[in-house]
PDB file of N, CA and C in Angstrom:
ATOM      1  N   MET A   1     111.267  51.343  91.730  1.00  0.00           N
ATOM      2  CA  MET A   1     110.293  52.002  92.256  1.00  0.00           C
ATOM      3  C   MET A   1     110.379  53.111  92.794  1.00  0.00           C
ATOM      4  N   ARG A   2     111.824  53.448  93.424  1.00  0.00           N
ATOM      5  CA  ARG A   2     112.325  54.756  93.760  1.00  0.00           C
ATOM      6  C   ARG A   2     112.395  55.575  92.746  1.00  0.00           C
ATOM      7  N   GLN A   3     112.900  55.008  91.433  1.00  0.00           N
ATOM      8  CA  GLN A   3     113.034  55.810  90.424  1.00  0.00           C
ATOM      9  C   GLN A   3     112.013  56.482  89.719  1.00  0.00           C
ATOM     10  N   LYS A   4     110.863  55.563  90.168  1.00  0.00           N
ATOM     11  CA  LYS A   4     109.633  56.158  89.294  1.00  0.00           C
ATOM     12  C   LYS A   4     109.068  57.353  90.453  1.00  0.00           C
ATOM     13  N   ILE A   5     109.133  57.059  91.638  1.00  0.00           N
ATOM     14  CA  ILE A   5     108.815  58.093  92.500  1.00  0.00           C
ATOM     15  C   ILE A   5     109.401  59.521  92.314  1.00  0.00           C
ATOM     16  N   ALA A   6     110.606  59.326  92.108  1.00  0.00           N
ATOM     17  CA  ALA A   6     111.726  60.724  91.938  1.00  0.00           C
ATOM     18  C   ALA A   6     111.150  61.186  90.583  1.00  0.00           C
ATOM     19  N   ALA A   7     110.805  60.347  89.383  1.00  0.00           N
ATOM     20  CA  ALA A   7     110.649  60.955  88.172  1.00  0.00           C
ATOM     21  C   ALA A   7     109.448  61.607  88.415  1.00  0.00           C
ATOM     22  N   ILE A   8     108.325  60.926  88.906  1.00  0.00           N
ATOM     23  CA  ILE A   8     106.741  61.698  89.365  1.00  0.00           C
ATOM     24  C   ILE A   8     107.053  62.840  90.216  1.00  0.00           C
ATOM     25  N   CYS A   9     108.106  63.096  91.200  1.00  0.00           N
ATOM     26  CA  CYS A   9     108.269  64.220  91.752  1.00  0.00           C
ATOM     27  C   CYS A   9     108.768  65.272  90.827  1.00  0.00           C
ATOM     28  N   ALA A  10     109.707  64.922  90.212  1.00  0.00           N
ATOM     29  CA  ALA A  10     110.198  65.648  89.401  1.00  0.00           C
ATOM     30  C   ALA A  10     109.272  66.592  88.503  1.00  0.00           C
ATOM     31  N   VAL A  11     108.614  66.034  88.058  1.00  0.00           N
ATOM     32  CA  VAL A  11     107.601  66.082  86.940  1.00  0.00           C
ATOM     33  C   VAL A  11     106.435  67.058  87.438  1.00  0.00           C
ATOM     34  N   ILE A  12     105.866  66.816  88.948  1.00  0.00           N
ATOM     35  CA  ILE A  12     105.175  67.582  89.706  1.00  0.00           C
ATOM     36  C   ILE A  12     106.084  69.183  89.841  1.00  0.00           C
ATOM     37  N   ALA A  13     107.185  68.834  90.283  1.00  0.00           N
ATOM     38  CA  ALA A  13     107.822  70.071  90.559  1.00  0.00           C
ATOM     39  C   ALA A  13     107.822  71.111  89.546  1.00  0.00           C
ATOM     40  N   LEU A  14     108.136  70.166  88.119  1.00  0.00           N
ATOM     41  CA  LEU A  14     108.201  71.020  86.893  1.00  0.00           C
ATOM     42  C   LEU A  14     106.870  71.693  86.664  1.00  0.00           C
ATOM     43  N   LEU A  15     105.547  71.340  86.962  1.00  0.00           N
ATOM     44  CA  LEU A  15     104.421  71.490  86.690  1.00  0.00           C
ATOM     45  C   LEU A  15     103.780  72.566  87.586  1.00  0.00           C
ATOM     46  N   ALA A  16     104.188  72.521  88.985  1.00  0.00           N
ATOM     47  CA  ALA A  16     103.695  73.379  89.785  1.00  0.00           C
ATOM     48  C   ALA A  16     103.900  75.061  89.191  1.00  0.00           C
ATOM     49  N   PRO A  17     102.827  75.991  89.706  1.00  0.00           N
ATOM     50  CA  PRO A  17     103.079  77.252  89.347  1.00  0.00           C
ATOM     51  C   PRO A  17     104.279  78.017  90.157  1.00  0.00           C
ATOM     52  N   LEU A  18     104.960  78.698  89.306  1.00  0.00           N
ATOM     53  CA  LEU A  18     105.784  79.485  90.253  1.00  0.00           C
ATOM     54  C   LEU A  18     105.119  80.676  90.534  1.00  0.00           C
ATOM     55  N   PRO A  19     105.756  81.267  91.605  1.00  0.00           N
ATOM     56  CA  PRO A  19     105.284  82.649  92.431  1.00  0.00           C
ATOM     57  C   PRO A  19     105.168  83.772  91.249  1.00  0.00           C
ATOM     58  N   ALA A  20     104.518  84.426  91.107  1.00  0.00           N
ATOM     59  CA  ALA A  20     104.491  85.691  90.203  1.00  0.00           C
ATOM     60  C   ALA A  20     105.285  86.728  91.132  1.00  0.00           C
ATOM     61  N   HIS A  21     106.049  87.686  90.133  1.00  0.00           N
ATOM     62  CA  HIS A  21     106.869  88.649  91.057  1.00  0.00           C
ATOM     63  C   HIS A  21     105.989  89.944  91.071  1.00  0.00           C
ATOM     64  N   ALA A  22     105.621  90.511  91.820  1.00  0.00           N
ATOM     65  CA  ALA A  22     104.493  91.397  92.195  1.00  0.00           C
ATOM     66  C   ALA A  22     105.332  92.447  91.877  1.00  0.00           C
ATOM     67  N   HIS A  23     104.746  93.768  91.402  1.00  0.00           N
ATOM     68  CA  HIS A  23     105.040  94.808  90.954  1.00  0.00           C
ATOM     69  C   HIS A  23     105.679  95.659  92.589  1.00  0.00           C
ATOM     70  N   THR A  24     106.497  96.435  92.430  1.00  0.00           N
ATOM     71  CA  THR A  24     106.960  96.920  93.788  1.00  0.00           C
ATOM     72  C   THR A  24     105.880  97.866  94.175  1.00  0.00           C
ATOM     73  N   SER A  25     106.131  98.113  95.615  1.00  0.00           N
ATOM     74  CA  SER A  25     105.023  98.940  96.432  1.00  0.00           C
ATOM     75  C   SER A  25     105.870  99.700  97.215  1.00  0.00           C
ATOM     76  N   LEU A  26     104.935 100.878  97.478  1.00  0.00           N
ATOM     77  CA  LEU A  26     105.497 102.104  98.331  1.00  0.00           C
ATOM     78  C   LEU A  26     105.583 101.393  99.702  1.00  0.00           C
ATOM     79  N   VAL A  27     106.788 101.319 100.492  1.00  0.00           N
ATOM     80  CA  VAL A  27     106.985 101.033 101.842  1.00  0.00           C
ATOM     81  C   VAL A  27     106.963 102.315 102.917  1.00  0.00           C
ATOM     82  N   SER A  28     107.521 103.386 102.640  1.00  0.00           N
ATOM     83  CA  SER A  28     107.611 104.521 103.527  1.00  0.00           C
ATOM     84  C   SER A  28     107.997 105.605 102.392  1.00  0.00           C
ATOM     85  N   SER A  29     107.610 106.887 103.039  1.00  0.00           N
ATOM     86  CA  SER A  29     107.959 108.070 102.419  1.00  0.00           C
ATOM     87  C   SER A  29     108.244 109.328 103.328  1.00  0.00           C
ATOM     88  N   VAL A  30     108.779 110.350 103.168  1.00  0.00           N
ATOM     89  CA  VAL A  30     109.234 111.241 104.081  1.00  0.00           C
ATOM     90  C   VAL A  30     108.585 112.694 103.015  1.00  0.00           C
ATOM     91  N   PRO A  31     107.699 113.395 103.558  1.00  0.00           N
ATOM     92  CA  PRO A  31     106.829 113.057 104.941  1.00  0.00           C
ATOM     93  C   PRO A  31     105.870 111.839 104.634  1.00  0.00           C
ATOM     94  N   MET A  32     105.640 111.262 105.719  1.00  0.00           N
ATOM     95  CA  MET A  32     104.862 109.957 105.870  1.00  0.00           C
ATOM     96  C   MET A  32     103.523 110.332 105.237  1.00  0.00           C
ATOM     97  N   LYS A  33     102.895 109.188 104.780  1.00  0.00           N
ATOM     98  CA  LYS A  33     101.465 109.275 104.312  1.00  0.00           C
ATOM     99  C   LYS A  33     100.690 109.621 105.210  1.00  0.00           C
ATOM    100  N   ASN A  34      99.576 110.598 105.090  1.00  0.00           N
ATOM    101  CA  ASN A  34      98.694 110.832 105.878  1.00  0.00           C
ATOM    102  C   ASN A  34      99.257 111.645 107.165  1.00  0.00           C
ATOM    103  N   SER A  35     100.054 112.207 107.362  1.00  0.00           N
ATOM    104  CA  SER A  35     100.564 112.606 108.414  1.00  0.00           C
ATOM    105  C   SER A  35     100.406 114.184 108.428  1.00  0.00           C
ATOM    106  N   THR A  36     100.552 114.777 109.520  1.00  0.00           N
ATOM    107  CA  THR A  36     100.578 116.337 109.648  1.00  0.00           C
ATOM    108  C   THR A  36     101.898 116.839 110.035  1.00  0.00           C
ATOM    109  N   ILE A  37     102.375 118.016 109.418  1.00  0.00           N
ATOM    110  CA  ILE A  37     103.676 118.104 109.537  1.00  0.00           C
ATOM    111  C   ILE A  37     103.621 119.628 109.827  1.00  0.00           C
ATOM    112  N   LYS A  38     104.670 120.360 110.660  1.00  0.00           N
ATOM    113  CA  LYS A  38     104.681 121.736 110.674  1.00  0.00           C
ATOM    114  C   LYS A  38     105.832 122.379 109.976  1.00  0.00           C
ATOM    115  N   ALA A  39     106.570 121.751 108.911  1.00  0.00           N
ATOM    116  CA  ALA A  39     107.478 122.190 108.301  1.00  0.00           C
ATOM    117  C   ALA A  39     107.600 121.023 107.064  1.00  0.00           C
ATOM    118  N   ILE A  40     107.775 121.515 106.004  1.00  0.00           N
ATOM    119  CA  ILE A  40     108.080 120.615 104.687  1.00  0.00           C
ATOM    120  C   ILE A  40     109.595 120.199 104.928  1.00  0.00           C
ATOM    121  N   PRO A  41     109.906 118.834 104.825  1.00  0.00           N
ATOM    122  CA  PRO A  41     111.352 118.274 105.015  1.00  0.00           C
ATOM    123  C   PRO A  41     112.059 119.090 103.947  1.00  0.00           C
ATOM    124  N   LYS A  42     113.189 119.262 104.052  1.00  0.00           N
ATOM    125  CA  LYS A  42     114.342 119.594 102.988  1.00  0.00           C
ATOM    126  C   LYS A  42     114.459 118.691 101.719  1.00  0.00           C
ATOM    127  N   THR A  43     114.135 117.358 102.007  1.00  0.00           N
ATOM    128  CA  THR A  43     113.968 116.337 101.128  1.00  0.00           C
ATOM    129  C   THR A  43     112.732 115.584 100.985  1.00  0.00           C
ATOM    130  N   ILE A  44     112.318 115.383  99.926  1.00  0.00           N
ATOM    131  CA  ILE A  44     111.368 114.595  99.896  1.00  0.00           C
ATOM    132  C   ILE A  44     111.878 113.222  99.305  1.00  0.00           C
ATOM    133  N   ALA A  45     111.324 112.007  99.820  1.00  0.00           N
ATOM    134  CA  ALA A  45     111.965 110.883  99.507  1.00  0.00           C
ATOM    135  C   ALA A  45     110.771 109.834  99.635  1.00  0.00           C
ATOM    136  N   LEU A  46     110.920 108.791  98.670  1.00  0.00           N
ATOM    137  CA  LEU A  46     109.772 107.671  98.879  1.00  0.00           C
ATOM    138  C   LEU A  46     110.727 106.400  98.641  1.00  0.00           C
ATOM    139  N   THR A  47     110.287 105.479  99.293  1.00  0.00           N
ATOM    140  CA  THR A  47     111.283 104.172  99.274  1.00  0.00           C
ATOM    141  C   THR A  47     110.043 102.851  98.909  1.00  0.00           C
ATOM    142  N   PHE A  48     110.655 101.991  98.357  1.00  0.00           N
ATOM    143  CA  PHE A  48     110.128 101.260  97.538  1.00  0.00           C
ATOM    144  C   PHE A  48     110.593  99.635  97.904  1.00  0.00           C
ATOM    145  N   ASP A  49     109.660  98.668  97.924  1.00  0.00           N
ATOM    146  CA  ASP A  49     110.022  97.239  98.427  1.00  0.00           C
ATOM    147  C   ASP A  49     110.989  96.383  97.283  1.00  0.00           C
ATOM    148  N   ASP A  50     111.348  97.046  96.239  1.00  0.00           N
ATOM    149  CA  ASP A  50     112.018  96.667  95.294  1.00  0.00           C
ATOM    150  C   ASP A  50     112.997  97.609  94.465  1.00  0.00           C
ATOM    151  N   LYS A  51     113.852  96.988  93.848  1.00  0.00           N
ATOM    152  CA  LYS A  51     114.865  98.216  93.251  1.00  0.00           C
ATOM    153  C   LYS A  51     113.979  98.465  91.986  1.00  0.00           C
ATOM    154  N   LEU A  52     114.182  99.945  91.841  1.00  0.00           N
ATOM    155  CA  LEU A  52     113.700 100.563  90.798  1.00  0.00           C
ATOM    156  C   LEU A  52     114.606 100.327  89.443  1.00  0.00           C
ATOM    157  N   VAL A  53     114.156 100.607  88.420  1.00  0.00           N
ATOM    158  CA  VAL A  53     114.760 100.628  87.011  1.00  0.00           C
ATOM    159  C   VAL A  53     115.330 101.689  86.384  1.00  0.00           C
ATOM    160  N   LYS A  54     116.307 101.961  85.944  1.00  0.00           N
ATOM    161  CA  LYS A  54     116.639 103.125  84.986  1.00  0.00           C
ATOM    162  C   LYS A  54     116.267 102.421  83.417  1.00  0.00           C
ATOM    163  N   ILE A  55     115.973 103.565  82.613  1.00  0.00           N
ATOM    164  CA  ILE A  55     115.934 102.952  81.213  1.00  0.00           C
ATOM    165  C   ILE A  55     117.242 103.598  80.218  1.00  0.00           C
ATOM    166  N   ALA A  56     117.618 103.021  80.006  1.00  0.00           N
ATOM    167  CA  ALA A  56     118.814 103.318  78.961  1.00  0.00           C
ATOM    168  C   ALA A  56     120.154 104.317  80.040  1.00  0.00           C
ATOM    169  N   GLY A  57     120.046 103.582  81.240  1.00  0.00           N
ATOM    170  CA  GLY A  57     120.724 104.450  81.906  1.00  0.00           C
ATOM    171  C   GLY A  57     120.489 105.887  82.428  1.00  0.00           C
ATOM    172  N   LYS A  58     119.014 106.180  82.223  1.00  0.00           N
ATOM    173  CA  LYS A  58     118.199 107.366  82.862  1.00  0.00           C
ATOM    174  C   LYS A  58     117.433 106.782  83.853  1.00  0.00           C
ATOM    175  N   ASN A  59     117.333 107.955  84.797  1.00  0.00           N
ATOM    176  CA  ASN A  59     116.231 107.795  85.737  1.00  0.00           C
ATOM    177  C   ASN A  59     114.965 108.159  84.912  1.00  0.00           C
ATOM    178  N   VAL A  60     113.909 107.381  85.133  1.00  0.00           N
ATOM    179  CA  VAL A  60     112.565 107.531  84.433  1.00  0.00           C
ATOM    180  C   VAL A  60     111.524 107.876  85.648  1.00  0.00           C
ATOM    181  N   SER A  61     111.737 107.401  86.901  1.00  0.00           N
ATOM    182  CA  SER A  61     111.129 107.211  87.812  1.00  0.00           C
ATOM    183  C   SER A  61     110.803 108.858  88.164  1.00  0.00           C
ATOM    184  N   LYS A  62     109.581 109.427  88.599  1.00  0.00           N
ATOM    185  CA  LYS A  62     109.339 110.820  88.720  1.00  0.00           C
ATOM    186  C   LYS A  62     108.342 110.844  89.930  1.00  0.00           C
ATOM    187  N   PHE A  63     108.359 112.090  90.686  1.00  0.00           N
ATOM    188  CA  PHE A  63     107.282 112.498  91.373  1.00  0.00           C
ATOM    189  C   PHE A  63     106.962 114.111  91.408  1.00  0.00           C
ATOM    190  N   SER A  64     105.924 114.407  91.861  1.00  0.00           N
ATOM    191  CA  SER A  64     105.820 115.802  91.901  1.00  0.00           C
ATOM    192  C   SER A  64     104.804 116.241  93.051  1.00  0.00           C
ATOM    193  N   VAL A  65     104.838 117.306  93.606  1.00  0.00           N
ATOM    194  CA  VAL A  65     104.348 117.645  94.881  1.00  0.00           C
ATOM    195  C   VAL A  65     103.438 118.938  94.672  1.00  0.00           C
ATOM    196  N   ILE A  66     102.226 118.500  94.665  1.00  0.00           N
ATOM    197  CA  ILE A  66     101.081 119.623  94.436  1.00  0.00           C
ATOM    198  C   ILE A  66     100.684 120.033  95.736  1.00  0.00           C
ATOM    199  N   GLY A  67     100.571 121.300  95.787  1.00  0.00           N
ATOM    200  CA  GLY A  67     100.064 122.182  97.153  1.00  0.00           C
ATOM    201  C   GLY A  67      98.555 122.243  97.400  1.00  0.00           C
ATOM    202  N   PRO A  68      98.349 122.886  98.194  1.00  0.00           N
ATOM    203  CA  PRO A  68      96.861 123.211  98.597  1.00  0.00           C
ATOM    204  C   PRO A  68      95.868 124.340  97.319  1.00  0.00           C
ATOM    205  N   ASP A  69      96.959 124.789  96.741  1.00  0.00           N
ATOM    206  CA  ASP A  69      96.193 125.914  95.633  1.00  0.00           C
ATOM    207  C   ASP A  69      96.442 125.071  94.257  1.00  0.00           C
ATOM    208  N   GLY A  70      96.610 123.907  94.394  1.00  0.00           N
ATOM    209  CA  GLY A  70      96.586 123.086  92.963  1.00  0.00           C
ATOM    210  C   GLY A  70      97.969 123.456  91.977  1.00  0.00           C
ATOM    211  N   ASN A  71      98.864 124.286  92.846  1.00  0.00           N
ATOM    212  CA  ASN A  71     100.531 124.412  91.768  1.00  0.00           C
ATOM    213  C   ASN A  71     101.264 123.684  92.478  1.00  0.00           C
ATOM    214  N   GLU A  72     102.219 123.171  91.648  1.00  0.00           N
ATOM    215  CA  GLU A  72     103.359 122.312  91.986  1.00  0.00           C
ATOM    216  C   GLU A  72     104.538 122.962  92.580  1.00  0.00           C
ATOM    217  N   ILE A  73     105.027 122.270  93.838  1.00  0.00           N
ATOM    218  CA  ILE A  73     106.034 123.295  94.415  1.00  0.00           C
ATOM    219  C   ILE A  73     107.479 122.660  93.751  1.00  0.00           C
ATOM    220  N   LYS A  74     108.311 123.553  93.643  1.00  0.00           N
ATOM    221  CA  LYS A  74     109.541 123.641  93.126  1.00  0.00           C
ATOM    222  C   LYS A  74     110.500 122.657  93.974  1.00  0.00           C
ATOM    223  N   LEU A  75     110.948 121.450  93.105  1.00  0.00           N
ATOM    224  CA  LEU A  75     111.920 120.635  93.648  1.00  0.00           C
ATOM    225  C   LEU A  75     113.047 120.359  92.525  1.00  0.00           C
ATOM    226  N   GLY A  76     114.358 120.228  93.608  1.00  0.00           N
ATOM    227  CA  GLY A  76     115.405 119.869  92.505  1.00  0.00           C
ATOM    228  C   GLY A  76     115.395 118.476  91.664  1.00  0.00           C
ATOM    229  N   PRO A  77     116.509 118.193  91.005  1.00  0.00           N
ATOM    230  CA  PRO A  77     116.472 116.874  90.215  1.00  0.00           C
ATOM    231  C   PRO A  77     115.960 115.937  91.151  1.00  0.00           C
ATOM    232  N   ILE A  78     115.466 115.001  90.729  1.00  0.00           N
ATOM    233  CA  ILE A  78     115.101 113.662  91.370  1.00  0.00           C
ATOM    234  C   ILE A  78     116.049 112.836  91.005  1.00  0.00           C
ATOM    235  N   THR A  79     116.590 112.220  92.210  1.00  0.00           N
ATOM    236  CA  THR A  79     117.741 111.219  92.243  1.00  0.00           C
ATOM    237  C   THR A  79     116.834 109.778  92.433  1.00  0.00           C
ATOM    238  N   LEU A  80     117.836 108.609  91.791  1.00  0.00           N
ATOM    239  CA  LEU A  80     117.253 107.226  92.132  1.00  0.00           C
ATOM    240  C   LEU A  80     118.494 106.657  92.652  1.00  0.00           C
ATOM    241  N   THR A  81     118.400 106.098  93.731  1.00  0.00           N
ATOM    242  CA  THR A  81     119.138 104.959  94.203  1.00  0.00           C
ATOM    243  C   THR A  81     118.676 103.817  94.681  1.00  0.00           C
ATOM    244  N   ASN A  82     118.922 102.831  94.019  1.00  0.00           N
ATOM    245  CA  ASN A  82     118.351 101.421  94.327  1.00  0.00           C
ATOM    246  C   ASN A  82     116.720 101.541  94.178  1.00  0.00           C
ATOM    247  N   GLN A  83     116.171 101.465  95.684  1.00  0.00           N
ATOM    248  CA  GLN A  83     114.680 101.661  95.718  1.00  0.00           C
ATOM    249  C   GLN A  83     114.137 103.018  96.101  1.00  0.00           C
ATOM    250  N   ILE A  84     115.026 103.864  96.142  1.00  0.00           N
ATOM    251  CA  ILE A  84     114.569 105.361  96.686  1.00  0.00           C
ATOM    252  C   ILE A  84     114.722 106.351  95.576  1.00  0.00           C
ATOM    253  N   ILE A  85     113.552 107.164  95.671  1.00  0.00           N
ATOM    254  CA  ILE A  85     113.811 108.357  94.920  1.00  0.00           C
ATOM    255  C   ILE A  85     113.538 109.369  95.582  1.00  0.00           C
ATOM    256  N   SER A  86     114.389 110.688  95.236  1.00  0.00           N
ATOM    257  CA  SER A  86     114.242 111.606  96.182  1.00  0.00           C
ATOM    258  C   SER A  86     114.468 112.892  95.622  1.00  0.00           C
ATOM    259  N   ALA A  87     114.149 114.164  95.843  1.00  0.00           N
ATOM    260  CA  ALA A  87     114.398 115.547  95.487  1.00  0.00           C
ATOM    261  C   ALA A  87     114.471 116.539  96.808  1.00  0.00           C
ATOM    262  N   THR A  88     115.395 117.374  96.471  1.00  0.00           N
ATOM    263  CA  THR A  88     115.283 118.524  97.319  1.00  0.00           C
ATOM    264  C   THR A  88     114.250 119.355  97.236  1.00  0.00           C
ATOM    265  N   VAL A  89     113.383 120.071  98.299  1.00  0.00           N
ATOM    266  CA  VAL A  89     112.548 120.904  98.184  1.00  0.00           C
ATOM    267  C   VAL A  89     112.993 122.574  98.155  1.00  0.00           C
ATOM    268  N   LEU A  90     112.770 122.973  97.019  1.00  0.00           N
ATOM    269  CA  LEU A  90     113.097 124.369  96.863  1.00  0.00           C
ATOM    270  C   LEU A  90     112.335 125.358  96.882  1.00  0.00           C
ATOM    271  N   GLU A  91     111.176 125.286  97.131  1.00  0.00           N
ATOM    272  CA  GLU A  91     109.962 126.138  97.488  1.00  0.00           C
ATOM    273  C   GLU A  91     110.251 126.940  98.936  1.00  0.00           C
ATOM    274  N   PRO A  92     110.391 128.284  98.913  1.00  0.00           N
ATOM    275  CA  PRO A  92     110.714 129.058 100.314  1.00  0.00           C
ATOM    276  C   PRO A  92     109.923 129.041 100.959  1.00  0.00           C
ATOM    277  N   LYS A  93     108.617 129.063 100.839  1.00  0.00           N
ATOM    278  CA  LYS A  93     107.631 129.045 101.703  1.00  0.00           C
ATOM    279  C   LYS A  93     106.271 128.288 101.420  1.00  0.00           C
ATOM    280  N   PRO A  94     106.319 127.085 101.702  1.00  0.00           N
ATOM    281  CA  PRO A  94     104.815 126.528 101.355  1.00  0.00           C
ATOM    282  C   PRO A  94     104.004 126.991 102.178  1.00  0.00           C
ATOM    283  N   LYS A  95     102.685 127.212 101.828  1.00  0.00           N
ATOM    284  CA  LYS A  95     101.483 127.594 102.360  1.00  0.00           C
ATOM    285  C   LYS A  95     100.899 126.129 103.132  1.00  0.00           C
ATOM    286  N   PRO A  96     100.158 126.398 104.381  1.00  0.00           N
ATOM    287  CA  PRO A  96      99.620 125.279 105.140  1.00  0.00           C
ATOM    288  C   PRO A  96      98.464 124.980 104.159  1.00  0.00           C
ATOM    289  N   GLY A  97      98.090 123.460 104.329  1.00  0.00           N
ATOM    290  CA  GLY A  97      96.908 122.981 103.324  1.00  0.00           C
ATOM    291  C   GLY A  97      97.412 121.490 103.402  1.00  0.00           C
ATOM    292  N   ILE A  98      96.856 120.655 102.432  1.00  0.00           N
ATOM    293  CA  ILE A  98      96.592 119.286 102.055  1.00  0.00           C
ATOM    294  C   ILE A  98      97.755 119.194 100.679  1.00  0.00           C
ATOM    295  N   TYR A  99      98.551 118.536 101.029  1.00  0.00           N
ATOM    296  CA  TYR A  99      99.527 118.489  99.709  1.00  0.00           C
ATOM    297  C   TYR A  99      99.614 116.885  99.114  1.00  0.00           C
ATOM    298  N   LYS A 100      99.666 117.076  97.685  1.00  0.00           N
ATOM    299  CA  LYS A 100      99.712 115.323  97.554  1.00  0.00           C
ATOM    300  C   LYS A 100     100.917 115.142  96.448  1.00  0.00           C
ATOM    301  N   ILE A 101     101.719 113.637  96.850  1.00  0.00           N
ATOM    302  CA  ILE A 101     102.962 113.483  95.965  1.00  0.00           C
ATOM    303  C   ILE A 101     102.500 112.480  95.256  1.00  0.00           C
ATOM    304  N   ASN A 102     102.683 112.862  93.716  1.00  0.00           N
ATOM    305  CA  ASN A 102     102.084 111.902  92.692  1.00  0.00           C
ATOM    306  C   ASN A 102     103.276 111.381  92.037  1.00  0.00           C
ATOM    307  N   TYR A 103     103.292 110.096  92.240  1.00  0.00           N
ATOM    308  CA  TYR A 103     104.507 109.465  91.831  1.00  0.00           C
ATOM    309  C   TYR A 103     104.286 108.197  90.646  1.00  0.00           C
ATOM    310  N   ARG A 104     105.381 107.998  89.555  1.00  0.00           N
ATOM    311  CA  ARG A 104     105.408 107.037  88.938  1.00  0.00           C
ATOM    312  C   ARG A 104     106.577 106.545  88.838  1.00  0.00           C
ATOM    313  N   VAL A 105     107.001 105.194  88.864  1.00  0.00           N
ATOM    314  CA  VAL A 105     108.200 104.561  88.984  1.00  0.00           C
ATOM    315  C   VAL A 105     108.073 103.550  87.935  1.00  0.00           C
ATOM    316  N   ILE A 106     109.270 102.774  87.519  1.00  0.00           N
ATOM    317  CA  ILE A 106     109.357 101.694  86.647  1.00  0.00           C
ATOM    318  C   ILE A 106     109.950 100.638  87.815  1.00  0.00           C
ATOM    319  N   SER A 107     109.130  99.705  88.163  1.00  0.00           N
ATOM    320  CA  SER A 107     109.420  98.668  89.183  1.00  0.00           C
ATOM    321  C   SER A 107     110.350  97.508  88.527  1.00  0.00           C
ATOM    322  N   GLY A 108     111.170  96.914  89.397  1.00  0.00           N
ATOM    323  CA  GLY A 108     112.183  95.759  88.922  1.00  0.00           C
ATOM    324  C   GLY A 108     111.847  94.899  87.733  1.00  0.00           C
ATOM    325  N   ASP A 109     110.598  94.694  87.886  1.00  0.00           N
ATOM    326  CA  ASP A 109     109.633  93.737  86.556  1.00  0.00           C
ATOM    327  C   ASP A 109     109.640  94.518  85.389  1.00  0.00           C
ATOM    328  N   GLY A 110     110.044  95.599  85.510  1.00  0.00           N
ATOM    329  CA  GLY A 110     109.716  96.486  84.086  1.00  0.00           C
ATOM    330  C   GLY A 110     108.354  97.288  84.073  1.00  0.00           C
ATOM    331  N   HIS A 111     107.338  96.713  84.832  1.00  0.00           N
ATOM    332  CA  HIS A 111     106.135  97.817  84.951  1.00  0.00           C
ATOM    333  C   HIS A 111     106.210  99.021  85.423  1.00  0.00           C
ATOM    334  N   PRO A 112     105.414  99.770  84.959  1.00  0.00           N
ATOM    335  CA  PRO A 112     105.101 101.283  85.753  1.00  0.00           C
ATOM    336  C   PRO A 112     104.384 101.390  86.885  1.00  0.00           C
ATOM    337  N   VAL A 113     104.550 101.867  88.096  1.00  0.00           N
ATOM    338  CA  VAL A 113     103.780 101.707  88.982  1.00  0.00           C
ATOM    339  C   VAL A 113     103.566 103.109  89.520  1.00  0.00           C
ATOM    340  N   SER A 114     102.232 103.668  89.756  1.00  0.00           N
ATOM    341  CA  SER A 114     101.949 105.127  90.439  1.00  0.00           C
ATOM    342  C   SER A 114     100.943 105.003  91.481  1.00  0.00           C
ATOM    343  N   GLY A 115     101.043 106.273  92.119  1.00  0.00           N
ATOM    344  CA  GLY A 115     100.129 106.363  93.169  1.00  0.00           C
ATOM    345  C   GLY A 115     100.326 107.599  93.659  1.00  0.00           C
ATOM    346  N   THR A 116      99.572 108.035  94.665  1.00  0.00           N
ATOM    347  CA  THR A 116      99.489 109.479  95.294  1.00  0.00           C
ATOM    348  C   THR A 116      99.774 109.255  97.027  1.00  0.00           C
ATOM    349  N   ILE A 117     100.316 109.997  97.439  1.00  0.00           N
ATOM    350  CA  ILE A 117     100.305 110.210  98.865  1.00  0.00           C
ATOM    351  C   ILE A 117      99.946 111.726  99.406  1.00  0.00           C
ATOM    352  N   LYS A 118      99.130 111.479 100.350  1.00  0.00           N
ATOM    353  CA  LYS A 118      98.836 113.060 101.085  1.00  0.00           C
ATOM    354  C   LYS A 118      99.223 113.239 102.402  1.00  0.00           C
ATOM    355  N   PHE A 119      99.573 114.413 102.554  1.00  0.00           N
ATOM    356  CA  PHE A 119     100.057 114.853 103.914  1.00  0.00           C
ATOM    357  C   PHE A 119      99.473 116.267 104.135  1.00  0.00           C
ATOM    358  N   THR A 120      99.731 116.963 105.214  1.00  0.00           N
ATOM    359  CA  THR A 120      99.035 118.006 105.843  1.00  0.00           C
ATOM    360  C   THR A 120     100.056 118.891 106.280  1.00  0.00           C
ATOM    361  N   LEU A 121     100.417 119.965 105.792  1.00  0.00           N
ATOM    362  CA  LEU A 121     101.166 121.049 106.287  1.00  0.00           C
ATOM    363  C   LEU A 121     100.454 121.855 107.033  1.00  0.00           C
ATOM    364  N   SER A 122     100.734 122.072 108.582  1.00  0.00           N
ATOM    365  CA  SER A 122      99.809 122.618 109.753  1.00  0.00           C
ATOM    366  C   SER A 122     100.556 124.521 109.527  1.00  0.00           C
TER     367      SER A 122
END
């Protein structure tokens, strides 16, 4: 009898659905989402809840920062370390207004994830 119960439990365990691996999500940013800041930080950084992947050894995760005039501000090379992408801000004097960080990363499960973060420079 015990063997039958063990066999039934084993079959049920095999047939139970496995949890799906969710795509990565943004967990924090510098500057913070929807924040108002007085100065642009020296480095823009986006942190995700899962390791981001490289393709053929190259970083394919990207982001851009769009100013209130619709122009992209100058950034240094984007680096990827585990689940953080970052870049140094090279813009000499950013103008006050609403900025958007547009990002696109490749999550650990291989799927692209994109989004936008807004912040205000006062």
